[in-house]
């Protein structure tokens, strides 16, 4: 059986900058996600699901983000 976890109302707000979805730190902390593990995006039953990948891969450390994304950090 899958684990179902309901998130409490969170402080931050998701925003979009340069076609990137920006999630507040409290969401990532609540999910216990590791930033080094890649994410998978899947469309199921009219909903998008974002989850950590089970594939043995990590993000490329040399990736540069736009100036506006950098300022949003």
C-alpha atoms as a PDB file:
ATOM      1  CA  UNK A   1       0.000   0.000   0.000  1.00  0.00           C
ATOM      2  CA  UNK A   2       1.261   3.501  -0.807  1.00  0.00           C
ATOM      3  CA  UNK A   3       2.047   5.935   1.954  1.00  0.00           C
ATOM      4  CA  UNK A   4      -0.385   8.855   1.913  1.00  0.00           C
ATOM      5  CA  UNK A   5       0.718  11.960   3.727  1.00  0.00           C
ATOM      6  CA  UNK A   6      -1.371  15.095   3.934  1.00  0.00           C
ATOM      7  CA  UNK A   7       0.682  18.262   4.123  1.00  0.00           C
ATOM      8  CA  UNK A   8      -0.267  20.907   6.633  1.00  0.00           C
ATOM      9  CA  UNK A   9      -0.893  24.388   5.238  1.00  0.00           C
ATOM     10  CA  UNK A  10       2.514  25.685   4.319  1.00  0.00           C
ATOM     11  CA  UNK A  11       3.928  29.170   4.645  1.00  0.00           C
ATOM     12  CA  UNK A  12       5.459  29.574   1.192  1.00  0.00           C
ATOM     13  CA  UNK A  13       3.846  30.049  -2.163  1.00  0.00           C
ATOM     14  CA  UNK A  14       4.864  28.295  -5.373  1.00  0.00           C
ATOM     15  CA  UNK A  15       5.779  30.739  -8.156  1.00  0.00           C
ATOM     16  CA  UNK A  16       6.903  30.480 -11.770  1.00  0.00           C
ATOM     17  CA  UNK A  17       9.984  32.297 -13.105  1.00  0.00           C
ATOM     18  CA  UNK A  18      11.557  31.625 -16.520  1.00  0.00           C
ATOM     19  CA  UNK A  19       9.352  28.550 -17.055  1.00  0.00           C
ATOM     20  CA  UNK A  20      10.565  27.043 -13.754  1.00  0.00           C
ATOM     21  CA  UNK A  21       8.291  26.162 -10.830  1.00  0.00           C
ATOM     22  CA  UNK A  22       9.782  27.581  -7.625  1.00  0.00           C
ATOM     23  CA  UNK A  23       8.780  25.738  -4.460  1.00  0.00           C
ATOM     24  CA  UNK A  24       9.334  27.142  -0.978  1.00  0.00           C
ATOM     25  CA  UNK A  25      11.844  25.383   1.284  1.00  0.00           C
ATOM     26  CA  UNK A  26       9.159  24.267   3.756  1.00  0.00           C
ATOM     27  CA  UNK A  27       7.533  22.069   1.106  1.00  0.00           C
ATOM     28  CA  UNK A  28      10.827  20.317   0.320  1.00  0.00           C
ATOM     29  CA  UNK A  29      11.600  19.929   4.032  1.00  0.00           C
ATOM     30  CA  UNK A  30       8.136  18.465   4.694  1.00  0.00           C
ATOM     31  CA  UNK A  31       8.705  15.900   1.921  1.00  0.00           C
ATOM     32  CA  UNK A  32      12.246  15.119   3.126  1.00  0.00           C
ATOM     33  CA  UNK A  33      13.551  15.429  -0.431  1.00  0.00           C
ATOM     34  CA  UNK A  34      17.291  15.444  -1.115  1.00  0.00           C
ATOM     35  CA  UNK A  35      18.220  18.166  -3.629  1.00  0.00           C
ATOM     36  CA  UNK A  36      20.845  15.881  -5.188  1.00  0.00           C
ATOM     37  CA  UNK A  37      18.263  13.328  -6.343  1.00  0.00           C
ATOM     38  CA  UNK A  38      16.548  14.007  -9.648  1.00  0.00           C
ATOM     39  CA  UNK A  39      12.782  14.483  -9.819  1.00  0.00           C
ATOM     40  CA  UNK A  40      10.328  12.724 -12.112  1.00  0.00           C
ATOM     41  CA  UNK A  41       7.222  14.339 -13.548  1.00  0.00           C
ATOM     42  CA  UNK A  42       4.328  12.069 -14.507  1.00  0.00           C
ATOM     43  CA  UNK A  43       0.771  12.775 -15.684  1.00  0.00           C
ATOM     44  CA  UNK A  44      -1.796  10.436 -14.085  1.00  0.00           C
ATOM     45  CA  UNK A  45      -5.580  10.772 -13.960  1.00  0.00           C
ATOM     46  CA  UNK A  46      -5.614  14.452 -15.003  1.00  0.00           C
ATOM     47  CA  UNK A  47      -2.976  15.398 -12.386  1.00  0.00           C
ATOM     48  CA  UNK A  48       0.744  16.031 -12.498  1.00  0.00           C
ATOM     49  CA  UNK A  49       2.797  14.033 -10.014  1.00  0.00           C
ATOM     50  CA  UNK A  50       6.272  15.235  -9.010  1.00  0.00           C
ATOM     51  CA  UNK A  51       8.379  12.719  -7.118  1.00  0.00           C
ATOM     52  CA  UNK A  52      11.986  11.828  -6.432  1.00  0.00           C
ATOM     53  CA  UNK A  53      13.432   9.446  -8.982  1.00  0.00           C
ATOM     54  CA  UNK A  54      14.382   5.906  -8.095  1.00  0.00           C
ATOM     55  CA  UNK A  55      16.894   5.910 -10.965  1.00  0.00           C
ATOM     56  CA  UNK A  56      20.510   6.037  -9.791  1.00  0.00           C
ATOM     57  CA  UNK A  57      21.328   9.539 -11.018  1.00  0.00           C
ATOM     58  CA  UNK A  58      22.036  12.933  -9.535  1.00  0.00           C
ATOM     59  CA  UNK A  59      21.830  16.456 -10.853  1.00  0.00           C
ATOM     60  CA  UNK A  60      24.642  17.866 -12.950  1.00  0.00           C
ATOM     61  CA  UNK A  61      26.635  20.212 -10.670  1.00  0.00           C
ATOM     62  CA  UNK A  62      27.596  22.593 -13.480  1.00  0.00           C
ATOM     63  CA  UNK A  63      24.035  23.685 -14.344  1.00  0.00           C
ATOM     64  CA  UNK A  64      23.643  27.466 -14.407  1.00  0.00           C
ATOM     65  CA  UNK A  65      20.307  29.094 -13.632  1.00  0.00           C
ATOM     66  CA  UNK A  66      19.064  32.372 -15.014  1.00  0.00           C
ATOM     67  CA  UNK A  67      19.875  35.659 -13.254  1.00  0.00           C
ATOM     68  CA  UNK A  68      16.241  36.060 -12.173  1.00  0.00           C
ATOM     69  CA  UNK A  69      16.116  32.574 -10.674  1.00  0.00           C
ATOM     70  CA  UNK A  70      19.426  33.234  -8.900  1.00  0.00           C
ATOM     71  CA  UNK A  71      17.972  36.420  -7.365  1.00  0.00           C
ATOM     72  CA  UNK A  72      14.913  34.513  -6.125  1.00  0.00           C
ATOM     73  CA  UNK A  73      17.084  32.250  -3.933  1.00  0.00           C
END
